[in-house]
């Protein structure tokens, strides 16, 4: 099992930020083994997941992507020493 420091941050513009905030309030964590933080602005969402085991990390990301119908084709995996950082910037401004 792959272990290390894994972190992902999603930043996106969305017309549904308030709806997303309600969903997050009802579901405080997608995986209790993951350290996750969400910040919802008026028109954007930032979500950060941190984990020490890649399988748990990947499950949390997949659940998040499915829940909010975010395309994962913009995910980029960067490797720098023992840590992996995955970042996704998905601008949905002007889209339904």
PDB file of N, CA and C in Angstrom:
ATOM      1  N   UNK A   1       0.841  -1.190   0.000  1.00  0.00           N
ATOM      2  CA  UNK A   1       0.000   0.000   0.000  1.00  0.00           C
ATOM      3  C   UNK A   1       0.878   1.242   0.000  1.00  0.00           C
ATOM      4  N   UNK A   2       0.594   2.151  -0.902  1.00  0.00           N
ATOM      5  CA  UNK A   2       1.392   3.361  -1.034  1.00  0.00           C
ATOM      6  C   UNK A   2       1.070   4.331   0.102  1.00  0.00           C
ATOM      7  N   UNK A   3       2.123   4.829   0.771  1.00  0.00           N
ATOM      8  CA  UNK A   3       1.918   5.788   1.845  1.00  0.00           C
ATOM      9  C   UNK A   3       2.764   7.024   1.599  1.00  0.00           C
ATOM     10  N   UNK A   4       2.359   8.129   2.173  1.00  0.00           N
ATOM     11  CA  UNK A   4       3.068   9.391   1.996  1.00  0.00           C
ATOM     12  C   UNK A   4       2.153  10.526   2.381  1.00  0.00           C
ATOM     13  N   UNK A   5       2.471  11.708   1.932  1.00  0.00           N
ATOM     14  CA  UNK A   5       1.620  12.867   2.183  1.00  0.00           C
ATOM     15  C   UNK A   5       0.938  13.227   0.878  1.00  0.00           C
ATOM     16  N   UNK A   6      -0.363  13.014   0.841  1.00  0.00           N
ATOM     17  CA  UNK A   6      -1.130  13.287  -0.368  1.00  0.00           C
ATOM     18  C   UNK A   6      -2.083  14.445  -0.095  1.00  0.00           C
ATOM     19  N   UNK A   7      -2.147  15.369  -1.027  1.00  0.00           N
ATOM     20  CA  UNK A   7      -3.029  16.528  -0.839  1.00  0.00           C
ATOM     21  C   UNK A   7      -3.592  16.948  -2.181  1.00  0.00           C
ATOM     22  N   UNK A   8      -4.864  17.323  -2.182  1.00  0.00           N
ATOM     23  CA  UNK A   8      -5.488  17.845  -3.401  1.00  0.00           C
ATOM     24  C   UNK A   8      -6.329  19.062  -3.038  1.00  0.00           C
ATOM     25  N   UNK A   9      -6.309  20.049  -3.887  1.00  0.00           N
ATOM     26  CA  UNK A   9      -7.152  21.224  -3.699  1.00  0.00           C
ATOM     27  C   UNK A   9      -7.911  21.490  -4.988  1.00  0.00           C
ATOM     28  N   UNK A  10      -9.218  21.620  -4.885  1.00  0.00           N
ATOM     29  CA  UNK A  10     -10.059  21.949  -6.026  1.00  0.00           C
ATOM     30  C   UNK A  10     -10.504  23.394  -5.867  1.00  0.00           C
ATOM     31  N   UNK A  11     -10.366  24.170  -6.913  1.00  0.00           N
ATOM     32  CA  UNK A  11     -10.875  25.542  -6.926  1.00  0.00           C
ATOM     33  C   UNK A  11     -11.735  25.689  -8.163  1.00  0.00           C
ATOM     34  N   UNK A  12     -12.945  26.143  -7.983  1.00  0.00           N
ATOM     35  CA  UNK A  12     -13.815  26.283  -9.152  1.00  0.00           C
ATOM     36  C   UNK A  12     -14.825  27.399  -8.946  1.00  0.00           C
ATOM     37  N   UNK A  13     -15.231  27.990 -10.039  1.00  0.00           N
ATOM     38  CA  UNK A  13     -16.326  28.950 -10.007  1.00  0.00           C
ATOM     39  C   UNK A  13     -17.604  28.160 -10.237  1.00  0.00           C
ATOM     40  N   UNK A  14     -18.628  28.516  -9.507  1.00  0.00           N
ATOM     41  CA  UNK A  14     -19.883  27.792  -9.671  1.00  0.00           C
ATOM     42  C   UNK A  14     -21.064  28.677  -9.321  1.00  0.00           C
ATOM     43  N   UNK A  15     -22.156  28.484 -10.037  1.00  0.00           N
ATOM     44  CA  UNK A  15     -23.385  29.206  -9.726  1.00  0.00           C
ATOM     45  C   UNK A  15     -24.088  28.551  -8.538  1.00  0.00           C
ATOM     46  N   UNK A  16     -23.655  27.329  -8.196  1.00  0.00           N
ATOM     47  CA  UNK A  16     -24.347  26.556  -7.162  1.00  0.00           C
ATOM     48  C   UNK A  16     -23.568  26.479  -5.854  1.00  0.00           C
ATOM     49  N   UNK A  17     -22.747  27.478  -5.576  1.00  0.00           N
ATOM     50  CA  UNK A  17     -21.922  27.430  -4.375  1.00  0.00           C
ATOM     51  C   UNK A  17     -22.756  27.312  -3.100  1.00  0.00           C
ATOM     52  N   UNK A  18     -23.891  27.999  -3.051  1.00  0.00           N
ATOM     53  CA  UNK A  18     -24.722  27.926  -1.848  1.00  0.00           C
ATOM     54  C   UNK A  18     -25.333  26.545  -1.682  1.00  0.00           C
ATOM     55  N   UNK A  19     -25.741  25.923  -2.787  1.00  0.00           N
ATOM     56  CA  UNK A  19     -26.270  24.562  -2.735  1.00  0.00           C
ATOM     57  C   UNK A  19     -25.186  23.596  -2.267  1.00  0.00           C
ATOM     58  N   UNK A  20     -23.968  23.789  -2.781  1.00  0.00           N
ATOM     59  CA  UNK A  20     -22.846  22.942  -2.370  1.00  0.00           C
ATOM     60  C   UNK A  20     -22.597  23.102  -0.873  1.00  0.00           C
ATOM     61  N   UNK A  21     -22.675  24.334  -0.361  1.00  0.00           N
ATOM     62  CA  UNK A  21     -22.480  24.564   1.070  1.00  0.00           C
ATOM     63  C   UNK A  21     -23.513  23.793   1.886  1.00  0.00           C
ATOM     64  N   UNK A  22     -24.758  23.762   1.435  1.00  0.00           N
ATOM     65  CA  UNK A  22     -25.793  23.015   2.140  1.00  0.00           C
ATOM     66  C   UNK A  22     -25.486  21.525   2.157  1.00  0.00           C
ATOM     67  N   UNK A  23     -25.017  21.009   1.014  1.00  0.00           N
ATOM     68  CA  UNK A  23     -24.663  19.592   0.942  1.00  0.00           C
ATOM     69  C   UNK A  23     -23.522  19.285   1.906  1.00  0.00           C
ATOM     70  N   UNK A  24     -22.518  20.159   1.948  1.00  0.00           N
ATOM     71  CA  UNK A  24     -21.376  19.946   2.832  1.00  0.00           C
ATOM     72  C   UNK A  24     -21.783  20.025   4.297  1.00  0.00           C
ATOM     73  N   UNK A  25     -22.724  20.915   4.620  1.00  0.00           N
ATOM     74  CA  UNK A  25     -23.209  21.016   5.993  1.00  0.00           C
ATOM     75  C   UNK A  25     -23.894  19.731   6.430  1.00  0.00           C
ATOM     76  N   UNK A  26     -24.597  19.077   5.508  1.00  0.00           N
ATOM     77  CA  UNK A  26     -25.295  17.827   5.811  1.00  0.00           C
ATOM     78  C   UNK A  26     -24.351  16.631   5.806  1.00  0.00           C
ATOM     79  N   UNK A  27     -23.247  16.727   5.059  1.00  0.00           N
ATOM     80  CA  UNK A  27     -22.262  15.649   4.952  1.00  0.00           C
ATOM     81  C   UNK A  27     -20.888  16.210   5.290  1.00  0.00           C
ATOM     82  N   UNK A  28     -20.573  16.346   6.581  1.00  0.00           N
ATOM     83  CA  UNK A  28     -19.349  17.047   6.968  1.00  0.00           C
ATOM     84  C   UNK A  28     -18.053  16.419   6.461  1.00  0.00           C
ATOM     85  N   UNK A  29     -18.046  15.122   6.172  1.00  0.00           N
ATOM     86  CA  UNK A  29     -16.832  14.502   5.634  1.00  0.00           C
ATOM     87  C   UNK A  29     -17.182  13.419   4.645  1.00  0.00           C
ATOM     88  N   UNK A  30     -16.458  13.359   3.529  1.00  0.00           N
ATOM     89  CA  UNK A  30     -16.703  12.294   2.561  1.00  0.00           C
ATOM     90  C   UNK A  30     -16.032  11.011   3.032  1.00  0.00           C
ATOM     91  N   UNK A  31     -15.025  11.113   3.847  1.00  0.00           N
ATOM     92  CA  UNK A  31     -14.333   9.952   4.389  1.00  0.00           C
ATOM     93  C   UNK A  31     -13.739  10.386   5.724  1.00  0.00           C
ATOM     94  N   UNK A  32     -14.140   9.724   6.811  1.00  0.00           N
ATOM     95  CA  UNK A  32     -13.693  10.160   8.132  1.00  0.00           C
ATOM     96  C   UNK A  32     -12.197   9.964   8.337  1.00  0.00           C
ATOM     97  N   UNK A  33     -11.559   9.180   7.487  1.00  0.00           N
ATOM     98  CA  UNK A  33     -10.124   8.962   7.605  1.00  0.00           C
ATOM     99  C   UNK A  33      -9.330  10.065   6.896  1.00  0.00           C
ATOM    100  N   UNK A  34     -10.037  10.963   6.228  1.00  0.00           N
ATOM    101  CA  UNK A  34      -9.389  12.008   5.441  1.00  0.00           C
ATOM    102  C   UNK A  34      -9.571  13.357   6.137  1.00  0.00           C
ATOM    103  N   UNK A  35      -8.522  14.147   6.141  1.00  0.00           N
ATOM    104  CA  UNK A  35      -8.624  15.527   6.631  1.00  0.00           C
ATOM    105  C   UNK A  35      -9.115  16.374   5.464  1.00  0.00           C
ATOM    106  N   UNK A  36     -10.349  16.836   5.546  1.00  0.00           N
ATOM    107  CA  UNK A  36     -10.893  17.609   4.433  1.00  0.00           C
ATOM    108  C   UNK A  36     -11.391  18.963   4.916  1.00  0.00           C
ATOM    109  N   UNK A  37     -11.168  19.970   4.106  1.00  0.00           N
ATOM    110  CA  UNK A  37     -11.608  21.319   4.424  1.00  0.00           C
ATOM    111  C   UNK A  37     -12.287  21.910   3.203  1.00  0.00           C
ATOM    112  N   UNK A  38     -13.364  22.646   3.458  1.00  0.00           N
ATOM    113  CA  UNK A  38     -14.099  23.277   2.365  1.00  0.00           C
ATOM    114  C   UNK A  38     -14.255  24.751   2.659  1.00  0.00           C
ATOM    115  N   UNK A  39     -14.156  25.556   1.631  1.00  0.00           N
ATOM    116  CA  UNK A  39     -14.415  26.982   1.774  1.00  0.00           C
ATOM    117  C   UNK A  39     -15.284  27.390   0.600  1.00  0.00           C
ATOM    118  N   UNK A  40     -16.483  27.849   0.908  1.00  0.00           N
ATOM    119  CA  UNK A  40     -17.413  28.238  -0.140  1.00  0.00           C
ATOM    120  C   UNK A  40     -17.579  29.754  -0.108  1.00  0.00           C
ATOM    121  N   UNK A  41     -17.255  30.378  -1.224  1.00  0.00           N
ATOM    122  CA  UNK A  41     -17.441  31.820  -1.364  1.00  0.00           C
ATOM    123  C   UNK A  41     -18.790  32.046  -2.060  1.00  0.00           C
ATOM    124  N   UNK A  42     -19.091  33.283  -2.412  1.00  0.00           N
ATOM    125  CA  UNK A  42     -20.356  33.578  -3.079  1.00  0.00           C
ATOM    126  C   UNK A  42     -20.497  32.833  -4.397  1.00  0.00           C
ATOM    127  N   UNK A  43     -19.398  32.730  -5.144  1.00  0.00           N
ATOM    128  CA  UNK A  43     -19.514  32.101  -6.456  1.00  0.00           C
ATOM    129  C   UNK A  43     -18.394  31.100  -6.737  1.00  0.00           C
ATOM    130  N   UNK A  44     -17.744  30.595  -5.686  1.00  0.00           N
ATOM    131  CA  UNK A  44     -16.677  29.621  -5.912  1.00  0.00           C
ATOM    132  C   UNK A  44     -16.564  28.650  -4.734  1.00  0.00           C
ATOM    133  N   UNK A  45     -15.887  27.553  -4.988  1.00  0.00           N
ATOM    134  CA  UNK A  45     -15.701  26.514  -3.975  1.00  0.00           C
ATOM    135  C   UNK A  45     -14.248  26.084  -3.974  1.00  0.00           C
ATOM    136  N   UNK A  46     -13.672  25.947  -2.799  1.00  0.00           N
ATOM    137  CA  UNK A  46     -12.331  25.396  -2.664  1.00  0.00           C
ATOM    138  C   UNK A  46     -12.437  24.226  -1.699  1.00  0.00           C
ATOM    139  N   UNK A  47     -11.945  23.079  -2.096  1.00  0.00           N
ATOM    140  CA  UNK A  47     -11.990  21.895  -1.246  1.00  0.00           C
ATOM    141  C   UNK A  47     -10.599  21.284  -1.189  1.00  0.00           C
ATOM    142  N   UNK A  48     -10.144  20.968   0.021  1.00  0.00           N
ATOM    143  CA  UNK A  48      -8.822  20.372   0.191  1.00  0.00           C
ATOM    144  C   UNK A  48      -8.941  19.054   0.942  1.00  0.00           C
ATOM    145  N   UNK A  49      -8.298  18.028   0.417  1.00  0.00           N
ATOM    146  CA  UNK A  49      -8.254  16.723   1.078  1.00  0.00           C
ATOM    147  C   UNK A  49      -6.801  16.397   1.394  1.00  0.00           C
ATOM    148  N   UNK A  50      -6.557  15.836   2.589  1.00  0.00           N
ATOM    149  CA  UNK A  50      -5.210  15.390   2.929  1.00  0.00           C
ATOM    150  C   UNK A  50      -5.323  13.973   3.486  1.00  0.00           C
ATOM    151  N   UNK A  51      -4.358  13.126   3.135  1.00  0.00           N
ATOM    152  CA  UNK A  51      -4.367  11.763   3.632  1.00  0.00           C
ATOM    153  C   UNK A  51      -2.954  11.208   3.615  1.00  0.00           C
ATOM    154  N   UNK A  52      -2.746  10.135   4.377  1.00  0.00           N
ATOM    155  CA  UNK A  52      -1.439   9.491   4.393  1.00  0.00           C
ATOM    156  C   UNK A  52      -1.435   8.213   3.568  1.00  0.00           C
ATOM    157  N   UNK A  53      -2.602   7.703   3.226  1.00  0.00           N
ATOM    158  CA  UNK A  53      -2.687   6.504   2.401  1.00  0.00           C
ATOM    159  C   UNK A  53      -3.381   6.820   1.091  1.00  0.00           C
ATOM    160  N   UNK A  54      -2.766   6.440   0.004  1.00  0.00           N
ATOM    161  CA  UNK A  54      -3.257   6.831  -1.312  1.00  0.00           C
ATOM    162  C   UNK A  54      -4.648   6.285  -1.600  1.00  0.00           C
ATOM    163  N   UNK A  55      -4.957   5.051  -1.181  1.00  0.00           N
ATOM    164  CA  UNK A  55      -6.269   4.462  -1.474  1.00  0.00           C
ATOM    165  C   UNK A  55      -7.397   5.287  -0.854  1.00  0.00           C
ATOM    166  N   UNK A  56      -7.223   5.705   0.394  1.00  0.00           N
ATOM    167  CA  UNK A  56      -8.239   6.532   1.058  1.00  0.00           C
ATOM    168  C   UNK A  56      -8.356   7.880   0.344  1.00  0.00           C
ATOM    169  N   UNK A  57      -7.216   8.422  -0.015  1.00  0.00           N
ATOM    170  CA  UNK A  57      -7.158   9.711  -0.701  1.00  0.00           C
ATOM    171  C   UNK A  57      -7.901   9.652  -2.035  1.00  0.00           C
ATOM    172  N   UNK A  58      -7.625   8.608  -2.803  1.00  0.00           N
ATOM    173  CA  UNK A  58      -8.254   8.447  -4.116  1.00  0.00           C
ATOM    174  C   UNK A  58      -9.763   8.270  -3.989  1.00  0.00           C
ATOM    175  N   UNK A  59     -10.209   7.514  -2.975  1.00  0.00           N
ATOM    176  CA  UNK A  59     -11.649   7.314  -2.752  1.00  0.00           C
ATOM    177  C   UNK A  59     -12.340   8.639  -2.462  1.00  0.00           C
ATOM    178  N   UNK A  60     -11.723   9.460  -1.623  1.00  0.00           N
ATOM    179  CA  UNK A  60     -12.325  10.752  -1.271  1.00  0.00           C
ATOM    180  C   UNK A  60     -12.428  11.654  -2.496  1.00  0.00           C
ATOM    181  N   UNK A  61     -11.378  11.665  -3.312  1.00  0.00           N
ATOM    182  CA  UNK A  61     -11.401  12.490  -4.526  1.00  0.00           C
ATOM    183  C   UNK A  61     -12.496  12.007  -5.466  1.00  0.00           C
ATOM    184  N   UNK A  62     -12.556  10.696  -5.696  1.00  0.00           N
ATOM    185  CA  UNK A  62     -13.563  10.149  -6.610  1.00  0.00           C
ATOM    186  C   UNK A  62     -14.976  10.479  -6.145  1.00  0.00           C
ATOM    187  N   UNK A  63     -15.211  10.358  -4.841  1.00  0.00           N
ATOM    188  CA  UNK A  63     -16.529  10.653  -4.284  1.00  0.00           C
ATOM    189  C   UNK A  63     -16.874  12.126  -4.500  1.00  0.00           C
ATOM    190  N   UNK A  64     -15.895  12.991  -4.269  1.00  0.00           N
ATOM    191  CA  UNK A  64     -16.110  14.421  -4.450  1.00  0.00           C
ATOM    192  C   UNK A  64     -16.426  14.750  -5.913  1.00  0.00           C
ATOM    193  N   UNK A  65     -15.637  14.177  -6.821  1.00  0.00           N
ATOM    194  CA  UNK A  65     -15.845  14.435  -8.249  1.00  0.00           C
ATOM    195  C   UNK A  65     -17.215  13.970  -8.693  1.00  0.00           C
ATOM    196  N   UNK A  66     -17.626  12.789  -8.230  1.00  0.00           N
ATOM    197  CA  UNK A  66     -18.939  12.262  -8.610  1.00  0.00           C
ATOM    198  C   UNK A  66     -20.062  13.095  -8.020  1.00  0.00           C
ATOM    199  N   UNK A  67     -19.921  13.481  -6.754  1.00  0.00           N
ATOM    200  CA  UNK A  67     -20.975  14.221  -6.064  1.00  0.00           C
ATOM    201  C   UNK A  67     -21.276  15.541  -6.766  1.00  0.00           C
ATOM    202  N   UNK A  68     -20.226  16.241  -7.184  1.00  0.00           N
ATOM    203  CA  UNK A  68     -20.417  17.556  -7.774  1.00  0.00           C
ATOM    204  C   UNK A  68     -20.239  17.559  -9.283  1.00  0.00           C
ATOM    205  N   UNK A  69     -20.184  16.350  -9.886  1.00  0.00           N
ATOM    206  CA  UNK A  69     -20.095  16.210 -11.337  1.00  0.00           C
ATOM    207  C   UNK A  69     -18.954  17.038 -11.921  1.00  0.00           C
ATOM    208  N   UNK A  70     -17.780  16.916 -11.301  1.00  0.00           N
ATOM    209  CA  UNK A  70     -16.602  17.635 -11.761  1.00  0.00           C
ATOM    210  C   UNK A  70     -15.802  16.708 -12.669  1.00  0.00           C
ATOM    211  N   UNK A  71     -15.395  17.218 -13.801  1.00  0.00           N
ATOM    212  CA  UNK A  71     -14.580  16.427 -14.724  1.00  0.00           C
ATOM    213  C   UNK A  71     -13.180  16.271 -14.149  1.00  0.00           C
ATOM    214  N   UNK A  72     -12.648  15.054 -14.182  1.00  0.00           N
ATOM    215  CA  UNK A  72     -11.299  14.850 -13.657  1.00  0.00           C
ATOM    216  C   UNK A  72     -10.242  14.929 -14.754  1.00  0.00           C
ATOM    217  N   UNK A  73     -10.626  15.397 -15.932  1.00  0.00           N
ATOM    218  CA  UNK A  73      -9.646  15.477 -17.011  1.00  0.00           C
ATOM    219  C   UNK A  73      -8.649  16.625 -16.819  1.00  0.00           C
ATOM    220  N   UNK A  74      -8.896  17.477 -15.818  1.00  0.00           N
ATOM    221  CA  UNK A  74      -7.947  18.548 -15.554  1.00  0.00           C
ATOM    222  C   UNK A  74      -7.028  18.223 -14.378  1.00  0.00           C
ATOM    223  N   UNK A  75      -7.177  17.032 -13.797  1.00  0.00           N
ATOM    224  CA  UNK A  75      -6.320  16.648 -12.681  1.00  0.00           C
ATOM    225  C   UNK A  75      -4.885  16.476 -13.164  1.00  0.00           C
ATOM    226  N   UNK A  76      -3.964  17.043 -12.414  1.00  0.00           N
ATOM    227  CA  UNK A  76      -2.546  16.912 -12.737  1.00  0.00           C
ATOM    228  C   UNK A  76      -1.836  16.374 -11.500  1.00  0.00           C
ATOM    229  N   UNK A  77      -1.098  15.283 -11.652  1.00  0.00           N
ATOM    230  CA  UNK A  77      -0.356  14.703 -10.545  1.00  0.00           C
ATOM    231  C   UNK A  77       1.082  15.179 -10.630  1.00  0.00           C
ATOM    232  N   UNK A  78       1.520  15.870  -9.586  1.00  0.00           N
ATOM    233  CA  UNK A  78       2.889  16.360  -9.542  1.00  0.00           C
ATOM    234  C   UNK A  78       3.629  15.616  -8.450  1.00  0.00           C
ATOM    235  N   UNK A  79       4.821  15.175  -8.742  1.00  0.00           N
ATOM    236  CA  UNK A  79       5.609  14.438  -7.751  1.00  0.00           C
ATOM    237  C   UNK A  79       6.844  15.249  -7.407  1.00  0.00           C
ATOM    238  N   UNK A  80       7.029  15.483  -6.122  1.00  0.00           N
ATOM    239  CA  UNK A  80       8.187  16.249  -5.665  1.00  0.00           C
ATOM    240  C   UNK A  80       8.693  15.603  -4.394  1.00  0.00           C
ATOM    241  N   UNK A  81       9.688  14.726  -4.507  1.00  0.00           N
ATOM    242  CA  UNK A  81      10.207  14.016  -3.340  1.00  0.00           C
ATOM    243  C   UNK A  81       9.179  13.019  -2.837  1.00  0.00           C
ATOM    244  N   UNK A  82       8.997  12.936  -1.519  1.00  0.00           N
ATOM    245  CA  UNK A  82       8.086  11.933  -0.954  1.00  0.00           C
ATOM    246  C   UNK A  82       6.617  12.317  -1.025  1.00  0.00           C
ATOM    247  N   UNK A  83       6.303  13.544  -1.430  1.00  0.00           N
ATOM    248  CA  UNK A  83       4.908  13.995  -1.423  1.00  0.00           C
ATOM    249  C   UNK A  83       4.332  14.051  -2.829  1.00  0.00           C
ATOM    250  N   UNK A  84       3.059  13.778  -2.938  1.00  0.00           N
ATOM    251  CA  UNK A  84       2.336  13.919  -4.206  1.00  0.00           C
ATOM    252  C   UNK A  84       1.310  15.018  -4.031  1.00  0.00           C
ATOM    253  N   UNK A  85       1.237  15.911  -4.976  1.00  0.00           N
ATOM    254  CA  UNK A  85       0.232  16.973  -4.948  1.00  0.00           C
ATOM    255  C   UNK A  85      -0.593  16.890  -6.217  1.00  0.00           C
ATOM    256  N   UNK A  86      -1.895  16.833  -6.048  1.00  0.00           N
ATOM    257  CA  UNK A  86      -2.795  16.805  -7.186  1.00  0.00           C
ATOM    258  C   UNK A  86      -3.592  18.082  -7.152  1.00  0.00           C
ATOM    259  N   UNK A  87      -3.603  18.836  -8.237  1.00  0.00           N
ATOM    260  CA  UNK A  87      -4.425  20.031  -8.248  1.00  0.00           C
ATOM    261  C   UNK A  87      -5.350  20.069  -9.432  1.00  0.00           C
ATOM    262  N   UNK A  88      -6.535  20.581  -9.187  1.00  0.00           N
ATOM    263  CA  UNK A  88      -7.516  20.706 -10.260  1.00  0.00           C
ATOM    264  C   UNK A  88      -8.087  22.103 -10.207  1.00  0.00           C
ATOM    265  N   UNK A  89      -8.026  22.805 -11.312  1.00  0.00           N
ATOM    266  CA  UNK A  89      -8.680  24.102 -11.404  1.00  0.00           C
ATOM    267  C   UNK A  89      -9.697  23.982 -12.507  1.00  0.00           C
ATOM    268  N   UNK A  90     -10.942  24.127 -12.145  1.00  0.00           N
ATOM    269  CA  UNK A  90     -12.032  23.893 -13.083  1.00  0.00           C
ATOM    270  C   UNK A  90     -12.932  25.116 -13.077  1.00  0.00           C
ATOM    271  N   UNK A  91     -12.860  25.915 -14.103  1.00  0.00           N
ATOM    272  CA  UNK A  91     -13.669  27.128 -14.164  1.00  0.00           C
ATOM    273  C   UNK A  91     -14.968  26.828 -14.879  1.00  0.00           C
ATOM    274  N   UNK A  92     -16.080  26.879 -14.137  1.00  0.00           N
ATOM    275  CA  UNK A  92     -17.378  26.569 -14.725  1.00  0.00           C
ATOM    276  C   UNK A  92     -18.200  27.829 -14.931  1.00  0.00           C
ATOM    277  N   UNK A  93     -17.574  28.982 -14.883  1.00  0.00           N
ATOM    278  CA  UNK A  93     -18.294  30.247 -15.023  1.00  0.00           C
ATOM    279  C   UNK A  93     -18.964  30.308 -16.390  1.00  0.00           C
ATOM    280  N   UNK A  94     -20.221  30.658 -16.386  1.00  0.00           N
ATOM    281  CA  UNK A  94     -20.946  30.804 -17.635  1.00  0.00           C
ATOM    282  C   UNK A  94     -21.452  29.492 -18.197  1.00  0.00           C
ATOM    283  N   UNK A  95     -21.308  28.405 -17.429  1.00  0.00           N
ATOM    284  CA  UNK A  95     -21.802  27.106 -17.896  1.00  0.00           C
ATOM    285  C   UNK A  95     -22.882  26.622 -16.955  1.00  0.00           C
ATOM    286  N   UNK A  96     -23.796  25.822 -17.454  1.00  0.00           N
ATOM    287  CA  UNK A  96     -24.880  25.294 -16.613  1.00  0.00           C
ATOM    288  C   UNK A  96     -24.436  24.049 -15.915  1.00  0.00           C
TER     289      UNK A  96
END
